């Protein structure tokens, strides 16, 4: 069973959708990054050994999500580099509607 700390996920909203980094259900040592676009199933973008590696992939535009990765440097929000600007949420399972419980509510 995962600890409560591993039930956290990070999210960062962009004009293209919301990046999410969450614990991987199959491997406690991995984190899965996905993008959630409106009216589209979340798209998995990769697995990472550390949350920081996933955030760095977003910040350096190396996600595999072409609309984001192709942005001009000036169009990327400067705050994407700062983990404190990412939203922390509780993670309760693989269903997106199960993950929507904000910790600050």
C-alpha atoms as a PDB file:
ATOM      1  CA  UNK A   1       0.000   0.000   0.000  1.00  0.00           C
ATOM      2  CA  UNK A   2       1.296   3.439  -0.907  1.00  0.00           C
ATOM      3  CA  UNK A   3       1.939   6.042   1.758  1.00  0.00           C
ATOM      4  CA  UNK A   4      -0.210   9.164   1.903  1.00  0.00           C
ATOM      5  CA  UNK A   5       2.713  11.217   0.546  1.00  0.00           C
ATOM      6  CA  UNK A   6       2.646   9.151  -2.638  1.00  0.00           C
ATOM      7  CA  UNK A   7      -1.039  10.023  -3.060  1.00  0.00           C
ATOM      8  CA  UNK A   8      -0.050  13.520  -4.161  1.00  0.00           C
ATOM      9  CA  UNK A   9       0.019  14.599  -7.750  1.00  0.00           C
ATOM     10  CA  UNK A  10       1.175  17.805  -9.358  1.00  0.00           C
ATOM     11  CA  UNK A  11      -0.643  19.761 -12.020  1.00  0.00           C
ATOM     12  CA  UNK A  12       0.234  22.736 -14.189  1.00  0.00           C
ATOM     13  CA  UNK A  13      -2.336  24.396 -16.455  1.00  0.00           C
ATOM     14  CA  UNK A  14      -1.363  25.751 -19.849  1.00  0.00           C
ATOM     15  CA  UNK A  15      -3.253  27.079 -22.855  1.00  0.00           C
ATOM     16  CA  UNK A  16      -3.053  23.556 -24.331  1.00  0.00           C
ATOM     17  CA  UNK A  17      -4.249  21.601 -21.328  1.00  0.00           C
ATOM     18  CA  UNK A  18      -3.104  20.501 -17.917  1.00  0.00           C
ATOM     19  CA  UNK A  19       0.133  18.619 -17.305  1.00  0.00           C
ATOM     20  CA  UNK A  20      -0.155  16.099 -14.473  1.00  0.00           C
ATOM     21  CA  UNK A  21       2.560  14.183 -12.664  1.00  0.00           C
ATOM     22  CA  UNK A  22       1.367  11.314 -10.508  1.00  0.00           C
ATOM     23  CA  UNK A  23       2.673   8.148  -8.895  1.00  0.00           C
ATOM     24  CA  UNK A  24       2.746   5.253 -11.330  1.00  0.00           C
ATOM     25  CA  UNK A  25       0.226   2.555 -10.403  1.00  0.00           C
ATOM     26  CA  UNK A  26       2.504  -0.293 -11.497  1.00  0.00           C
ATOM     27  CA  UNK A  27       5.839   0.865 -10.015  1.00  0.00           C
ATOM     28  CA  UNK A  28       6.221   2.793  -6.753  1.00  0.00           C
ATOM     29  CA  UNK A  29       9.573   4.162  -7.974  1.00  0.00           C
ATOM     30  CA  UNK A  30       8.116   5.875 -11.061  1.00  0.00           C
ATOM     31  CA  UNK A  31       5.982   8.910 -11.823  1.00  0.00           C
ATOM     32  CA  UNK A  32       3.766   9.204 -14.885  1.00  0.00           C
ATOM     33  CA  UNK A  33       3.316  12.493 -16.702  1.00  0.00           C
ATOM     34  CA  UNK A  34       0.266  13.135 -18.840  1.00  0.00           C
ATOM     35  CA  UNK A  35      -1.527  16.023 -20.514  1.00  0.00           C
ATOM     36  CA  UNK A  36      -5.267  16.505 -20.089  1.00  0.00           C
ATOM     37  CA  UNK A  37      -6.855  18.427 -22.907  1.00  0.00           C
ATOM     38  CA  UNK A  38     -10.505  19.472 -22.736  1.00  0.00           C
ATOM     39  CA  UNK A  39     -12.902  16.799 -24.021  1.00  0.00           C
ATOM     40  CA  UNK A  40     -10.033  14.375 -24.766  1.00  0.00           C
ATOM     41  CA  UNK A  41      -8.812  11.398 -22.745  1.00  0.00           C
ATOM     42  CA  UNK A  42      -5.566  12.175 -20.876  1.00  0.00           C
ATOM     43  CA  UNK A  43      -2.503  11.352 -22.965  1.00  0.00           C
ATOM     44  CA  UNK A  44       0.454   9.742 -21.229  1.00  0.00           C
ATOM     45  CA  UNK A  45       3.691  11.502 -22.108  1.00  0.00           C
ATOM     46  CA  UNK A  46       6.269   9.537 -20.185  1.00  0.00           C
ATOM     47  CA  UNK A  47       7.500   7.908 -17.009  1.00  0.00           C
ATOM     48  CA  UNK A  48      10.138   9.453 -14.771  1.00  0.00           C
ATOM     49  CA  UNK A  49      12.211   8.338 -11.800  1.00  0.00           C
ATOM     50  CA  UNK A  50      11.705  11.671 -10.005  1.00  0.00           C
ATOM     51  CA  UNK A  51       9.082  14.401  -9.940  1.00  0.00           C
ATOM     52  CA  UNK A  52      11.811  16.931 -10.658  1.00  0.00           C
ATOM     53  CA  UNK A  53      12.720  15.102 -13.883  1.00  0.00           C
ATOM     54  CA  UNK A  54       9.126  15.383 -15.097  1.00  0.00           C
ATOM     55  CA  UNK A  55       8.909  19.083 -14.194  1.00  0.00           C
ATOM     56  CA  UNK A  56      12.213  19.658 -15.979  1.00  0.00           C
ATOM     57  CA  UNK A  57      10.840  17.942 -19.109  1.00  0.00           C
ATOM     58  CA  UNK A  58       7.897  20.374 -19.102  1.00  0.00           C
ATOM     59  CA  UNK A  59      10.094  23.398 -18.390  1.00  0.00           C
ATOM     60  CA  UNK A  60      12.606  22.446 -21.088  1.00  0.00           C
ATOM     61  CA  UNK A  61       9.826  21.590 -23.544  1.00  0.00           C
ATOM     62  CA  UNK A  62      10.883  17.962 -23.885  1.00  0.00           C
ATOM     63  CA  UNK A  63       7.524  16.323 -23.184  1.00  0.00           C
ATOM     64  CA  UNK A  64       6.686  14.718 -26.516  1.00  0.00           C
ATOM     65  CA  UNK A  65       3.565  16.917 -26.725  1.00  0.00           C
ATOM     66  CA  UNK A  66       4.306  18.902 -29.894  1.00  0.00           C
ATOM     67  CA  UNK A  67       2.095  21.980 -29.309  1.00  0.00           C
ATOM     68  CA  UNK A  68       3.925  22.646 -26.024  1.00  0.00           C
ATOM     69  CA  UNK A  69       7.386  21.568 -27.113  1.00  0.00           C
ATOM     70  CA  UNK A  70       7.225  23.808 -30.227  1.00  0.00           C
ATOM     71  CA  UNK A  71       6.402  27.007 -28.322  1.00  0.00           C
ATOM     72  CA  UNK A  72       8.884  29.864 -28.608  1.00  0.00           C
ATOM     73  CA  UNK A  73      10.891  30.241 -25.405  1.00  0.00           C
ATOM     74  CA  UNK A  74       9.215  33.613 -24.734  1.00  0.00           C
ATOM     75  CA  UNK A  75       5.760  31.970 -24.777  1.00  0.00           C
ATOM     76  CA  UNK A  76       6.571  29.458 -22.032  1.00  0.00           C
ATOM     77  CA  UNK A  77       5.397  30.741 -18.632  1.00  0.00           C
ATOM     78  CA  UNK A  78       8.459  31.451 -16.503  1.00  0.00           C
ATOM     79  CA  UNK A  79       6.685  29.971 -13.462  1.00  0.00           C
ATOM     80  CA  UNK A  80       6.689  26.454 -14.981  1.00  0.00           C
ATOM     81  CA  UNK A  81      10.267  26.106 -13.688  1.00  0.00           C
ATOM     82  CA  UNK A  82       9.159  26.662 -10.074  1.00  0.00           C
ATOM     83  CA  UNK A  83       7.630  23.634  -8.323  1.00  0.00           C
ATOM     84  CA  UNK A  84       5.777  25.969  -5.951  1.00  0.00           C
ATOM     85  CA  UNK A  85       3.744  27.214  -8.923  1.00  0.00           C
ATOM     86  CA  UNK A  86       2.456  23.719  -9.647  1.00  0.00           C
ATOM     87  CA  UNK A  87      -0.824  22.680  -7.991  1.00  0.00           C
ATOM     88  CA  UNK A  88      -0.752  19.870  -5.449  1.00  0.00           C
ATOM     89  CA  UNK A  89      -3.752  17.529  -5.428  1.00  0.00           C
ATOM     90  CA  UNK A  90      -4.767  14.282  -3.785  1.00  0.00           C
ATOM     91  CA  UNK A  91      -4.552  11.214  -6.002  1.00  0.00           C
ATOM     92  CA  UNK A  92      -7.132   8.508  -5.385  1.00  0.00           C
ATOM     93  CA  UNK A  93      -6.884   6.247  -8.424  1.00  0.00           C
ATOM     94  CA  UNK A  94      -6.640   6.063 -12.169  1.00  0.00           C
ATOM     95  CA  UNK A  95      -9.989   7.696 -12.986  1.00  0.00           C
ATOM     96  CA  UNK A  96      -9.550  11.416 -13.707  1.00  0.00           C
ATOM     97  CA  UNK A  97     -12.734  12.288 -11.816  1.00  0.00           C
ATOM     98  CA  UNK A  98     -11.259  10.552  -8.747  1.00  0.00           C
ATOM     99  CA  UNK A  99      -8.206  12.824  -8.847  1.00  0.00           C
ATOM    100  CA  UNK A 100      -9.978  16.173  -8.792  1.00  0.00           C
ATOM    101  CA  UNK A 101     -10.007  16.713  -5.027  1.00  0.00           C
ATOM    102  CA  UNK A 102      -7.956  19.847  -4.422  1.00  0.00           C
ATOM    103  CA  UNK A 103      -6.018  19.908  -1.155  1.00  0.00           C
ATOM    104  CA  UNK A 104      -6.789  23.597  -0.627  1.00  0.00           C
ATOM    105  CA  UNK A 105     -10.577  23.165  -0.642  1.00  0.00           C
END
